[in-house]
Protein backbone atom coordinates (compact mmCIF):
# COMPACT_ATOMS: atom_id res chain seq x y z
CA MET A 1 71.55 4.83 18.53
CA LYS A 2 68.29 6.30 20.31
CA GLU A 3 68.02 9.14 17.49
CA PHE A 4 68.38 6.46 14.66
CA MET A 5 65.61 4.36 16.21
CA SER A 6 63.43 7.36 16.85
CA LYS A 7 63.89 8.09 13.37
CA ALA A 8 63.39 4.64 11.74
CA LYS A 9 59.94 4.20 13.95
CA LYS A 10 58.08 6.82 12.32
CA PRO A 11 58.71 5.26 9.06
CA MET A 12 57.78 1.92 10.09
CA ILE A 13 54.45 2.83 11.51
CA PHE A 14 53.44 4.95 8.67
CA ILE A 15 54.21 1.34 6.32
CA ILE A 16 52.17 -0.55 8.79
CA LEU A 17 49.15 2.04 8.90
CA ALA A 18 49.29 2.24 4.88
CA ALA A 19 49.36 -1.53 4.90
CA LEU A 20 46.51 -2.06 7.22
CA ILE A 21 44.54 0.60 5.25
CA VAL A 22 45.43 -1.16 1.92
CA GLY A 23 44.43 -4.26 3.59
CA TYR A 24 40.85 -3.50 4.77
CA TYR A 25 39.91 -1.81 1.32
CA PHE A 26 40.75 -4.83 -0.53
CA TYR A 27 38.82 -6.53 2.29
CA LEU A 28 35.75 -4.49 1.68
CA SER A 29 36.01 -4.45 -1.73
CA ASN A 30 36.20 -8.42 -2.46
CA ARG A 31 33.41 -9.72 0.15
CA LYS A 32 30.10 -11.22 -0.75
CA VAL A 33 27.07 -9.34 0.26
CA ASP A 34 23.68 -11.00 -0.11
CA ASN A 35 21.25 -8.08 -1.13
CA ASN A 36 18.29 -10.13 -0.65
CA ASP A 37 18.91 -10.20 2.99
CA SER A 38 19.96 -6.80 4.07
CA ILE A 39 17.52 -4.94 1.69
CA ALA A 40 13.72 -6.29 1.72
CA LYS A 41 12.18 -5.65 -1.17
CA LYS A 42 8.35 -3.99 -0.90
CA THR A 43 5.81 -5.16 -3.57
CA PRO A 44 2.65 -3.70 -3.78
CA LEU A 45 1.24 -6.42 -1.87
CA THR A 46 3.76 -6.32 1.14
CA GLU A 47 2.96 -2.55 1.10
CA ILE A 48 -0.67 -3.11 1.73
CA THR A 49 -0.29 -5.96 4.26
CA ASP A 50 2.55 -4.78 6.08
CA ARG A 51 0.82 -1.31 6.98
CA ASP A 52 -0.06 -1.06 10.46
CA LEU A 53 -3.56 0.67 10.25
CA ASP A 54 -3.53 1.28 14.21
CA LYS A 55 -0.51 3.44 14.07
CA ASN A 56 -0.77 4.96 9.94
CA TYR A 57 -4.15 5.17 9.54
CA PRO A 58 -5.40 7.31 6.68
CA GLY A 59 -6.29 10.58 7.62
CA THR A 60 -8.52 12.25 5.26
CA PRO A 61 -11.60 10.57 3.17
CA LYS A 62 -9.35 10.74 0.04
CA SER A 63 -6.45 9.17 1.39
CA VAL A 64 -8.86 5.93 2.70
CA VAL A 65 -10.18 5.34 -0.67
CA THR A 66 -6.82 5.84 -2.30
CA TYR A 67 -5.68 2.98 0.18
CA TYR A 68 -8.81 1.26 -0.87
CA SER A 69 -8.20 1.69 -4.60
CA ASN A 70 -4.62 0.42 -4.17
CA ILE A 71 -5.81 -2.76 -2.58
CA LEU A 72 -8.23 -3.44 -5.30
CA LYS A 73 -5.44 -3.03 -7.92
CA VAL A 74 -3.52 -5.75 -6.00
CA MET A 75 -6.00 -7.90 -5.30
CA TYR A 76 -7.45 -8.04 -9.19
CA SER A 77 -3.73 -8.76 -10.26
CA GLY A 78 -4.75 -12.26 -10.06
CA ASN A 79 -1.42 -13.63 -8.69
CA LEU A 80 -2.72 -14.18 -4.85
CA SER A 81 -2.64 -17.02 -2.64
CA ASP A 82 -5.62 -17.77 -0.18
CA LYS A 83 -3.57 -16.39 2.40
CA ASP A 84 -2.87 -13.24 0.50
CA VAL A 85 -6.59 -12.71 0.30
CA GLU A 86 -7.17 -13.49 3.90
CA ASN A 87 -4.73 -10.85 4.97
CA ILE A 88 -5.98 -8.26 2.10
CA ALA A 89 -9.54 -8.91 3.50
CA ALA A 90 -8.42 -7.91 7.21
CA LYS A 91 -6.94 -4.69 5.89
CA LEU A 92 -9.97 -3.84 3.83
CA ARG A 93 -12.16 -4.36 6.96
CA GLY A 94 -9.98 -2.04 9.03
CA ILE A 95 -11.05 0.59 6.89
CA PHE A 96 -14.60 -0.51 6.68
CA ASP A 97 -17.51 1.50 8.72
CA ASP A 98 -19.02 -1.01 11.74
CA GLU A 99 -22.49 -0.91 10.04
CA LEU A 100 -20.78 -2.16 6.81
CA LEU A 101 -18.80 -5.06 9.00
CA THR A 102 -22.16 -6.07 10.82
CA LEU A 103 -23.73 -6.35 7.12
CA ASN A 104 -20.85 -8.46 5.83
CA PRO A 105 -19.68 -11.20 8.60
CA TYR A 106 -16.29 -11.98 7.88
CA ASP A 107 -16.75 -15.76 6.49
CA GLU A 108 -19.18 -14.55 3.89
CA TYR A 109 -17.55 -11.45 2.93
CA LEU A 110 -14.17 -13.73 2.39
CA LYS A 111 -16.20 -16.35 0.37
CA ARG A 112 -17.32 -13.61 -1.91
CA LEU A 113 -14.01 -11.69 -2.23
CA GLN A 114 -12.51 -14.98 -3.40
CA ASP A 115 -15.51 -15.62 -5.69
CA GLU A 116 -15.16 -11.86 -7.37
CA ILE A 117 -11.21 -12.41 -7.53
CA LYS A 118 -11.96 -15.58 -9.62
CA ASP A 119 -14.59 -13.91 -11.71
CA TYR A 120 -11.90 -11.08 -12.55
CA LYS A 121 -9.16 -13.57 -13.07
CA SER A 122 -11.28 -15.98 -15.72
CA ALA A 123 -12.48 -12.95 -17.51
CA GLY A 124 -9.11 -11.27 -17.93
CA ARG A 125 -9.79 -8.43 -16.10
CA ILE A 126 -7.86 -5.90 -13.93
CA ILE A 127 -8.00 -2.67 -12.46
CA ALA A 128 -5.04 -0.86 -14.38
CA ASP A 129 -5.74 2.81 -12.86
CA TYR A 130 -8.12 4.79 -11.02
CA VAL A 131 -8.67 8.44 -10.76
CA ILE A 132 -10.33 10.02 -7.56
CA GLU A 133 -12.27 13.44 -7.82
CA ASN A 134 -10.38 16.48 -6.48
CA ASN A 135 -10.75 17.70 -2.95
CA SER A 136 -12.76 20.75 -3.94
CA ASN A 137 -15.24 18.39 -5.60
CA MET A 138 -15.86 16.14 -2.35
CA GLU A 139 -19.20 16.76 -0.45
CA PHE A 140 -19.07 16.88 3.52
CA LEU A 141 -22.05 16.64 5.14
CA THR A 142 -23.31 16.25 9.25
CA TYR A 143 -25.91 14.00 9.62
CA LYS A 144 -27.59 13.42 13.30
CA GLY A 145 -24.31 14.42 14.91
CA LYS A 146 -22.18 12.50 12.46
CA ASP A 147 -19.54 13.51 10.08
CA TYR A 148 -20.11 11.98 6.60
CA ALA A 149 -18.03 12.63 3.00
CA LYS A 150 -18.86 11.52 -0.24
CA ILE A 151 -16.18 11.04 -2.81
CA ASP A 152 -16.34 9.69 -6.71
CA VAL A 153 -13.46 7.47 -8.30
CA MET A 154 -13.41 6.33 -11.85
CA TYR A 155 -11.56 3.12 -12.13
CA PHE A 156 -10.05 2.05 -15.47
CA ILE A 157 -10.46 -1.81 -15.99
CA HIS A 158 -8.33 -3.83 -18.90
CA GLU A 159 -10.47 -6.64 -19.94
CA GLY A 160 -8.63 -8.46 -22.66
CA LYS A 161 -7.79 -5.26 -25.11
CA ASN A 162 -10.93 -3.41 -24.08
CA ILE A 163 -10.66 -0.45 -21.44
CA ILE A 164 -13.85 -0.20 -19.50
CA LYS A 165 -14.56 2.86 -17.10
CA ASN A 166 -16.09 2.09 -13.87
CA TYR A 167 -17.59 4.76 -11.79
CA GLU A 168 -18.01 4.44 -8.20
CA LYS A 169 -19.71 6.90 -5.48
CA PHE A 170 -18.05 6.19 -1.78
CA THR A 171 -19.80 7.36 1.12
CA LEU A 172 -17.29 7.41 4.40
CA ARG A 173 -18.38 8.40 7.91
CA LYS A 174 -16.38 9.61 10.68
CA ASP A 175 -15.94 7.05 13.75
CA ASP A 176 -15.83 8.25 17.42
CA SER A 177 -11.99 7.94 17.38
CA GLY A 178 -12.12 10.86 14.15
CA ARG A 179 -11.03 8.06 11.53
CA TRP A 180 -12.91 7.96 8.29
CA LYS A 181 -14.55 4.73 7.49
CA ILE A 182 -16.17 3.81 4.40
CA LEU A 183 -19.80 3.26 4.71
CA TYR A 184 -20.86 1.95 1.74
CA TRP A 185 -20.41 2.57 -2.18
CA GLU A 186 -22.70 2.45 -4.92
CA VAL A 187 -22.31 2.18 -8.85
CA GLY A 188 -21.59 6.02 -10.00
CA LYS A 189 -22.02 7.83 -13.28
CA ALA A 190 -19.33 9.77 -15.51
CA SER A 191 -21.23 12.95 -14.76
CA ASP A 192 -20.49 12.57 -11.37
CA MET A 193 -16.83 12.89 -11.70
CA GLU A 194 -15.95 16.63 -13.33
CA GLU A 195 -12.98 16.54 -15.50
């Protein structure tokens, strides 16, 4: 009798395990998962506003200007709330040199930024894309013990059906902690950018 019971236990254990595996498979196959909660979708805006500049600061003059240019693309898309503009203004100020910040107090800067965004929106303008000059064409110099970099950017601005090329020349200065910060920018010209 013992032999019969031990032979009967093995198939019974196998049947129970198989039933558990099949049941678990059906459970996993039929459960509802809310993907909106489990996976946060990053938008260009959240990629900018979520970036912690203290921990993840752009390391080169080109990457600082790339970050700045990405902000411009989002900023002039015309789909931002006042809170979004404030968050973007804070990120921009995080990559500006102290001298530029001193010349542009926060409240005045924010007001000018909001007005500029409204002007872009009312004119139907957006920054569609940009091109930053090659590293080999960048200019580096040292003046009074401070390191500077100059870099040219060409922005493609859509205004209605027209595409306008806008050239800007950025000057960055390395701060005391070794971070490149935007000191100023000025209108550039096509000849500044070598194709």
